[in-house]
C-alpha cells in the first residue's frame, strides 16, 4: 500500500514538473493550470512551515505566481486574523522546490483590507463619564443600579460605531483603566473585573461632587 501511495505522490508532482519544464522562466502565461496542478500535488509535498493550509485553498487565491527553476514561487492571502476583527490579512510568500518535493514560507507581510479606525483619546471620555457619575447625573452611557450609589457604564455607548472587534476591545480596556484612575480617588470602586464595569460608592448621594 505504501508503495502505491508513494507512486501516486511522485506522479502528481512529476506532472507539475513536466508542465513547468515547458514554461518560460518568470511569470508563466497560464497560472490557472499551474494552480490546478499544484493543488493536486499540495498534500504530497513536505511542508517546512506547516500552516495547515489545504490544497483547495490555492484556487482563486494564489498571486504573483512565478517560475524560478527548480522553485515555483507564489503569494497567498490568509484571513485568520480577520475572523477576530483585524482589518489586515497575512500575506505569505511560498517557495515550492520541485527537486526536493518541499514547500516552505520564505516571506510574510500584512495587507490592509479595510481602513483603520481613527485613534480615540480615552482620557477625555473617562473624565466626562466620571464627572457625570460623581454628580449622579442621568446619561445614555450610565445605568443606575442603586440611585446615587451604584452605576453600570455601558462601554459600547462611549465610542462611535463601526470599529473592528480588536479595536473595540483595546478601547474598552483602556477606557476601563482611565475610569478607575479618575474615579478611585473620589471614592468609587469597580466591582466587575470584566464586561461593562460597575462602580459603587459606599457614601451614596451624600458624596455627590458639585
C-alpha atoms as a PDB file:
ATOM      1  CA  UNK A   1       0.000   0.000   0.000  1.00  0.00           C
ATOM      2  CA  UNK A   2       2.832   2.400   0.900  1.00  0.00           C
ATOM      3  CA  UNK A   3       4.492   1.810  -2.484  1.00  0.00           C
ATOM      4  CA  UNK A   4       1.248   2.650  -4.289  1.00  0.00           C
ATOM      5  CA  UNK A   5       0.883   5.883  -2.304  1.00  0.00           C
ATOM      6  CA  UNK A   6       4.488   6.865  -2.954  1.00  0.00           C
ATOM      7  CA  UNK A   7       3.983   6.295  -6.661  1.00  0.00           C
ATOM      8  CA  UNK A   8       0.864   8.446  -6.679  1.00  0.00           C
ATOM      9  CA  UNK A   9       2.573  11.207  -4.716  1.00  0.00           C
ATOM     10  CA  UNK A  10       5.553  11.298  -7.025  1.00  0.00           C
ATOM     11  CA  UNK A  11       3.387  11.101 -10.119  1.00  0.00           C
ATOM     12  CA  UNK A  12       1.274  14.130  -9.163  1.00  0.00           C
ATOM     13  CA  UNK A  13       4.387  16.225  -8.558  1.00  0.00           C
ATOM     14  CA  UNK A  14       6.071  14.958 -11.719  1.00  0.00           C
ATOM     15  CA  UNK A  15       3.099  16.168 -13.760  1.00  0.00           C
ATOM     16  CA  UNK A  16       3.632  19.648 -12.329  1.00  0.00           C
ATOM     17  CA  UNK A  17       7.381  19.462 -13.022  1.00  0.00           C
ATOM     18  CA  UNK A  18       6.761  18.363 -16.601  1.00  0.00           C
ATOM     19  CA  UNK A  19       4.342  21.222 -17.181  1.00  0.00           C
ATOM     20  CA  UNK A  20       6.733  23.819 -15.761  1.00  0.00           C
ATOM     21  CA  UNK A  21       9.681  22.442 -17.724  1.00  0.00           C
ATOM     22  CA  UNK A  22       7.959  23.779 -20.818  1.00  0.00           C
ATOM     23  CA  UNK A  23       7.131  27.149 -19.252  1.00  0.00           C
ATOM     24  CA  UNK A  24       9.233  30.274 -19.536  1.00  0.00           C
ATOM     25  CA  UNK A  25      11.208  31.386 -16.520  1.00  0.00           C
ATOM     26  CA  UNK A  26       9.473  34.238 -14.748  1.00  0.00           C
ATOM     27  CA  UNK A  27       5.729  34.800 -14.730  1.00  0.00           C
ATOM     28  CA  UNK A  28       4.018  31.928 -16.610  1.00  0.00           C
ATOM     29  CA  UNK A  29       1.298  32.666 -19.127  1.00  0.00           C
ATOM     30  CA  UNK A  30      -1.065  30.013 -17.742  1.00  0.00           C
ATOM     31  CA  UNK A  31      -1.143  30.416 -13.933  1.00  0.00           C
ATOM     32  CA  UNK A  32      -4.624  28.839 -13.740  1.00  0.00           C
ATOM     33  CA  UNK A  33      -3.371  25.475 -14.958  1.00  0.00           C
ATOM     34  CA  UNK A  34      -0.363  25.684 -12.650  1.00  0.00           C
ATOM     35  CA  UNK A  35      -2.658  26.330  -9.694  1.00  0.00           C
ATOM     36  CA  UNK A  36      -4.718  23.244 -10.546  1.00  0.00           C
ATOM     37  CA  UNK A  37      -1.642  21.031 -10.809  1.00  0.00           C
ATOM     38  CA  UNK A  38      -0.138  22.428  -7.612  1.00  0.00           C
ATOM     39  CA  UNK A  39      -3.383  21.920  -5.696  1.00  0.00           C
ATOM     40  CA  UNK A  40      -3.363  18.248  -6.744  1.00  0.00           C
ATOM     41  CA  UNK A  41       0.234  17.931  -5.516  1.00  0.00           C
ATOM     42  CA  UNK A  42      -0.035  20.047  -2.378  1.00  0.00           C
ATOM     43  CA  UNK A  43      -0.745  17.334   0.162  1.00  0.00           C
ATOM     44  CA  UNK A  44       2.162  15.282  -1.214  1.00  0.00           C
ATOM     45  CA  UNK A  45       4.781  17.972  -0.547  1.00  0.00           C
ATOM     46  CA  UNK A  46       6.854  18.108   2.630  1.00  0.00           C
ATOM     47  CA  UNK A  47       5.939  21.360   4.416  1.00  0.00           C
ATOM     48  CA  UNK A  48       8.827  23.113   6.104  1.00  0.00           C
ATOM     49  CA  UNK A  49       6.342  25.572   7.633  1.00  0.00           C
ATOM     50  CA  UNK A  50       3.064  23.898   8.486  1.00  0.00           C
ATOM     51  CA  UNK A  51       0.254  26.456   8.419  1.00  0.00           C
ATOM     52  CA  UNK A  52      -2.293  23.657   7.924  1.00  0.00           C
ATOM     53  CA  UNK A  53      -3.262  25.110   4.567  1.00  0.00           C
ATOM     54  CA  UNK A  54      -5.169  22.637   2.409  1.00  0.00           C
ATOM     55  CA  UNK A  55      -4.548  22.401  -1.316  1.00  0.00           C
ATOM     56  CA  UNK A  56      -8.046  23.518  -2.297  1.00  0.00           C
ATOM     57  CA  UNK A  57      -7.352  26.915  -0.709  1.00  0.00           C
ATOM     58  CA  UNK A  58      -4.901  27.653  -3.520  1.00  0.00           C
ATOM     59  CA  UNK A  59      -7.709  28.117  -6.030  1.00  0.00           C
ATOM     60  CA  UNK A  60      -8.521  31.764  -6.788  1.00  0.00           C
ATOM     61  CA  UNK A  61      -6.119  32.904  -4.066  1.00  0.00           C
ATOM     62  CA  UNK A  62      -2.616  32.396  -5.455  1.00  0.00           C
ATOM     63  CA  UNK A  63      -0.975  35.647  -6.536  1.00  0.00           C
ATOM     64  CA  UNK A  64       2.239  36.677  -8.301  1.00  0.00           C
ATOM     65  CA  UNK A  65       2.990  33.137  -9.481  1.00  0.00           C
ATOM     66  CA  UNK A  66       6.498  32.905 -10.899  1.00  0.00           C
ATOM     67  CA  UNK A  67       8.759  30.060 -12.021  1.00  0.00           C
ATOM     68  CA  UNK A  68      12.382  30.166 -10.894  1.00  0.00           C
ATOM     69  CA  UNK A  69      13.674  26.616 -11.521  1.00  0.00           C
ATOM     70  CA  UNK A  70      13.539  24.466  -9.537  1.00  0.00           C
ATOM     71  CA  UNK A  71      11.191  26.605  -7.426  1.00  0.00           C
ATOM     72  CA  UNK A  72       7.640  27.726  -8.017  1.00  0.00           C
ATOM     73  CA  UNK A  73       7.070  30.877  -6.005  1.00  0.00           C
ATOM     74  CA  UNK A  74       3.728  32.481  -5.199  1.00  0.00           C
ATOM     75  CA  UNK A  75       1.870  34.548  -2.631  1.00  0.00           C
ATOM     76  CA  UNK A  76      -1.369  33.737  -0.867  1.00  0.00           C
ATOM     77  CA  UNK A  77      -3.549  35.771   1.468  1.00  0.00           C
ATOM     78  CA  UNK A  78      -4.717  34.196   4.711  1.00  0.00           C
ATOM     79  CA  UNK A  79      -7.666  35.661   6.610  1.00  0.00           C
ATOM     80  CA  UNK A  80      -7.373  34.032  10.029  1.00  0.00           C
ATOM     81  CA  UNK A  81      -6.863  37.352  11.814  1.00  0.00           C
ATOM     82  CA  UNK A  82      -9.901  38.945  10.174  1.00  0.00           C
ATOM     83  CA  UNK A  83     -12.118  36.434  11.962  1.00  0.00           C
ATOM     84  CA  UNK A  84     -11.070  38.184  15.177  1.00  0.00           C
ATOM     85  CA  UNK A  85     -11.871  41.562  13.685  1.00  0.00           C
ATOM     86  CA  UNK A  86      -8.495  42.606  12.307  1.00  0.00           C
ATOM     87  CA  UNK A  87      -8.515  44.952   9.299  1.00  0.00           C
ATOM     88  CA  UNK A  88      -5.365  43.284   7.940  1.00  0.00           C
ATOM     89  CA  UNK A  89      -4.653  39.872   6.429  1.00  0.00           C
ATOM     90  CA  UNK A  90      -1.433  37.860   6.420  1.00  0.00           C
ATOM     91  CA  UNK A  91       0.278  37.636   3.026  1.00  0.00           C
ATOM     92  CA  UNK A  92       2.584  34.605   2.792  1.00  0.00           C
ATOM     93  CA  UNK A  93       5.216  34.037   0.118  1.00  0.00           C
ATOM     94  CA  UNK A  94       5.714  30.325  -0.577  1.00  0.00           C
ATOM     95  CA  UNK A  95       8.535  28.567  -2.432  1.00  0.00           C
ATOM     96  CA  UNK A  96       7.824  25.069  -3.765  1.00  0.00           C
ATOM     97  CA  UNK A  97      11.046  23.214  -4.596  1.00  0.00           C
ATOM     98  CA  UNK A  98      10.116  20.562  -7.139  1.00  0.00           C
ATOM     99  CA  UNK A  99      13.510  18.853  -6.907  1.00  0.00           C
ATOM    100  CA  UNK A 100      13.276  18.362  -3.144  1.00  0.00           C
ATOM    101  CA  UNK A 101       9.471  17.981  -3.057  1.00  0.00           C
ATOM    102  CA  UNK A 102       9.178  20.669  -0.369  1.00  0.00           C
ATOM    103  CA  UNK A 103       7.073  23.757   0.233  1.00  0.00           C
ATOM    104  CA  UNK A 104       8.146  26.478   2.661  1.00  0.00           C
ATOM    105  CA  UNK A 105       7.240  30.023   3.583  1.00  0.00           C
ATOM    106  CA  UNK A 106      10.018  32.430   2.610  1.00  0.00           C
ATOM    107  CA  UNK A 107       8.266  35.691   3.457  1.00  0.00           C
ATOM    108  CA  UNK A 108       5.359  37.134   5.396  1.00  0.00           C
ATOM    109  CA  UNK A 109       3.755  40.568   5.218  1.00  0.00           C
ATOM    110  CA  UNK A 110       0.483  42.199   6.237  1.00  0.00           C
ATOM    111  CA  UNK A 111      -2.085  43.574   3.807  1.00  0.00           C
ATOM    112  CA  UNK A 112      -4.539  46.281   4.802  1.00  0.00           C
ATOM    113  CA  UNK A 113      -8.039  45.162   3.787  1.00  0.00           C
ATOM    114  CA  UNK A 114     -10.164  47.915   5.306  1.00  0.00           C
ATOM    115  CA  UNK A 115      -9.472  51.443   6.550  1.00  0.00           C
ATOM    116  CA  UNK A 116      -8.218  51.535  10.126  1.00  0.00           C
ATOM    117  CA  UNK A 117     -10.298  53.288  12.760  1.00  0.00           C
ATOM    118  CA  UNK A 118      -9.150  56.750  13.776  1.00  0.00           C
ATOM    119  CA  UNK A 119      -7.363  56.892  17.138  1.00  0.00           C
ATOM    120  CA  UNK A 120      -9.556  57.926  20.076  1.00  0.00           C
ATOM    121  CA  UNK A 121      -8.232  59.505  23.283  1.00  0.00           C
ATOM    122  CA  UNK A 122      -9.984  57.762  26.159  1.00  0.00           C
ATOM    123  CA  UNK A 123      -8.928  60.159  28.920  1.00  0.00           C
ATOM    124  CA  UNK A 124     -11.421  62.940  27.971  1.00  0.00           C
ATOM    125  CA  UNK A 125     -14.173  60.312  27.690  1.00  0.00           C
ATOM    126  CA  UNK A 126     -13.291  58.915  31.114  1.00  0.00           C
ATOM    127  CA  UNK A 127     -13.294  62.401  32.630  1.00  0.00           C
ATOM    128  CA  UNK A 128     -16.692  63.243  31.128  1.00  0.00           C
ATOM    129  CA  UNK A 129     -18.292  59.929  32.171  1.00  0.00           C
ATOM    130  CA  UNK A 130     -16.605  60.057  35.575  1.00  0.00           C
ATOM    131  CA  UNK A 131     -17.823  63.588  36.214  1.00  0.00           C
ATOM    132  CA  UNK A 132     -21.413  62.580  35.429  1.00  0.00           C
ATOM    133  CA  UNK A 133     -21.105  59.613  37.784  1.00  0.00           C
ATOM    134  CA  UNK A 134     -19.823  61.803  40.606  1.00  0.00           C
ATOM    135  CA  UNK A 135     -22.659  64.269  40.063  1.00  0.00           C
ATOM    136  CA  UNK A 136     -25.205  61.393  39.898  1.00  0.00           C
ATOM    137  CA  UNK A 137     -26.460  62.568  36.518  1.00  0.00           C
ATOM    138  CA  UNK A 138     -28.526  60.566  34.049  1.00  0.00           C
ATOM    139  CA  UNK A 139     -26.707  59.714  30.837  1.00  0.00           C
ATOM    140  CA  UNK A 140     -27.293  57.205  27.981  1.00  0.00           C
ATOM    141  CA  UNK A 141     -23.962  55.614  28.876  1.00  0.00           C
ATOM    142  CA  UNK A 142     -24.953  55.065  32.506  1.00  0.00           C
ATOM    143  CA  UNK A 143     -27.403  52.715  34.161  1.00  0.00           C
ATOM    144  CA  UNK A 144     -28.020  53.451  37.851  1.00  0.00           C
ATOM    145  CA  UNK A 145     -28.449  50.133  39.658  1.00  0.00           C
ATOM    146  CA  UNK A 146     -28.805  51.821  43.037  1.00  0.00           C
ATOM    147  CA  UNK A 147     -29.578  55.547  42.696  1.00  0.00           C
ATOM    148  CA  UNK A 148     -26.620  57.645  43.718  1.00  0.00           C
ATOM    149  CA  UNK A 149     -24.553  54.668  44.853  1.00  0.00           C
ATOM    150  CA  UNK A 150     -24.036  52.007  42.173  1.00  0.00           C
ATOM    151  CA  UNK A 151     -23.834  52.517  38.404  1.00  0.00           C
ATOM    152  CA  UNK A 152     -23.005  50.470  35.316  1.00  0.00           C
ATOM    153  CA  UNK A 153     -21.089  52.046  32.419  1.00  0.00           C
ATOM    154  CA  UNK A 154     -22.171  50.710  29.013  1.00  0.00           C
ATOM    155  CA  UNK A 155     -18.825  50.807  27.231  1.00  0.00           C
ATOM    156  CA  UNK A 156     -20.086  50.376  23.666  1.00  0.00           C
ATOM    157  CA  UNK A 157     -22.060  53.612  24.018  1.00  0.00           C
ATOM    158  CA  UNK A 158     -18.877  55.505  24.798  1.00  0.00           C
ATOM    159  CA  UNK A 159     -17.400  55.066  21.302  1.00  0.00           C
ATOM    160  CA  UNK A 160     -18.512  55.587  17.697  1.00  0.00           C
ATOM    161  CA  UNK A 161     -19.868  52.501  15.963  1.00  0.00           C
ATOM    162  CA  UNK A 162     -18.078  50.694  13.149  1.00  0.00           C
ATOM    163  CA  UNK A 163     -14.733  49.783  14.742  1.00  0.00           C
ATOM    164  CA  UNK A 164     -13.464  46.220  14.368  1.00  0.00           C
ATOM    165  CA  UNK A 165     -13.601  43.804  17.286  1.00  0.00           C
ATOM    166  CA  UNK A 166      -9.912  44.112  18.198  1.00  0.00           C
ATOM    167  CA  UNK A 167     -10.028  47.918  18.155  1.00  0.00           C
ATOM    168  CA  UNK A 168     -13.177  47.947  20.298  1.00  0.00           C
ATOM    169  CA  UNK A 169     -11.602  45.577  22.831  1.00  0.00           C
ATOM    170  CA  UNK A 170      -8.478  47.752  23.089  1.00  0.00           C
ATOM    171  CA  UNK A 171     -10.529  50.919  23.514  1.00  0.00           C
ATOM    172  CA  UNK A 172     -12.703  49.280  26.162  1.00  0.00           C
ATOM    173  CA  UNK A 173      -9.691  48.054  28.122  1.00  0.00           C
ATOM    174  CA  UNK A 174      -8.046  51.497  28.024  1.00  0.00           C
ATOM    175  CA  UNK A 175     -11.257  53.291  28.999  1.00  0.00           C
ATOM    176  CA  UNK A 176     -11.770  50.953  31.961  1.00  0.00           C
ATOM    177  CA  UNK A 177      -8.279  51.843  33.224  1.00  0.00           C
ATOM    178  CA  UNK A 178      -8.907  55.558  32.697  1.00  0.00           C
ATOM    179  CA  UNK A 179     -12.231  55.413  34.534  1.00  0.00           C
ATOM    180  CA  UNK A 180     -10.617  53.727  37.511  1.00  0.00           C
ATOM    181  CA  UNK A 181      -7.825  56.309  37.529  1.00  0.00           C
ATOM    182  CA  UNK A 182     -10.421  59.090  37.636  1.00  0.00           C
ATOM    183  CA  UNK A 183     -12.999  57.562  39.971  1.00  0.00           C
ATOM    184  CA  UNK A 184     -10.953  55.636  42.553  1.00  0.00           C
ATOM    185  CA  UNK A 185      -9.518  58.733  44.271  1.00  0.00           C
ATOM    186  CA  UNK A 186     -13.088  60.051  44.540  1.00  0.00           C
ATOM    187  CA  UNK A 187     -14.358  57.016  46.424  1.00  0.00           C
ATOM    188  CA  UNK A 188     -15.736  54.981  43.523  1.00  0.00           C
ATOM    189  CA  UNK A 189     -14.532  51.381  43.159  1.00  0.00           C
ATOM    190  CA  UNK A 190     -15.066  48.975  40.283  1.00  0.00           C
ATOM    191  CA  UNK A 191     -16.959  45.813  41.248  1.00  0.00           C
ATOM    192  CA  UNK A 192     -16.885  43.849  37.971  1.00  0.00           C
ATOM    193  CA  UNK A 193     -13.473  42.905  36.533  1.00  0.00           C
ATOM    194  CA  UNK A 194     -14.812  42.280  33.007  1.00  0.00           C
ATOM    195  CA  UNK A 195     -17.624  43.405  30.755  1.00  0.00           C
ATOM    196  CA  UNK A 196     -19.386  46.705  31.329  1.00  0.00           C
ATOM    197  CA  UNK A 197     -17.851  47.928  34.607  1.00  0.00           C
ATOM    198  CA  UNK A 198     -19.979  48.588  37.667  1.00  0.00           C
ATOM    199  CA  UNK A 199     -18.784  51.290  40.058  1.00  0.00           C
ATOM    200  CA  UNK A 200     -20.083  51.820  43.580  1.00  0.00           C
ATOM    201  CA  UNK A 201     -19.602  54.431  46.279  1.00  0.00           C
ATOM    202  CA  UNK A 202     -20.391  53.471  49.875  1.00  0.00           C
ATOM    203  CA  UNK A 203     -21.210  57.065  50.796  1.00  0.00           C
ATOM    204  CA  UNK A 204     -24.072  57.274  48.318  1.00  0.00           C
ATOM    205  CA  UNK A 205     -25.643  60.521  47.193  1.00  0.00           C
ATOM    206  CA  UNK A 206     -24.180  62.461  50.103  1.00  0.00           C
ATOM    207  CA  UNK A 207     -20.799  62.341  48.349  1.00  0.00           C
ATOM    208  CA  UNK A 208     -22.082  63.934  45.143  1.00  0.00           C
ATOM    209  CA  UNK A 209     -19.492  66.134  43.528  1.00  0.00           C
ATOM    210  CA  UNK A 210     -20.639  69.676  42.778  1.00  0.00           C
END
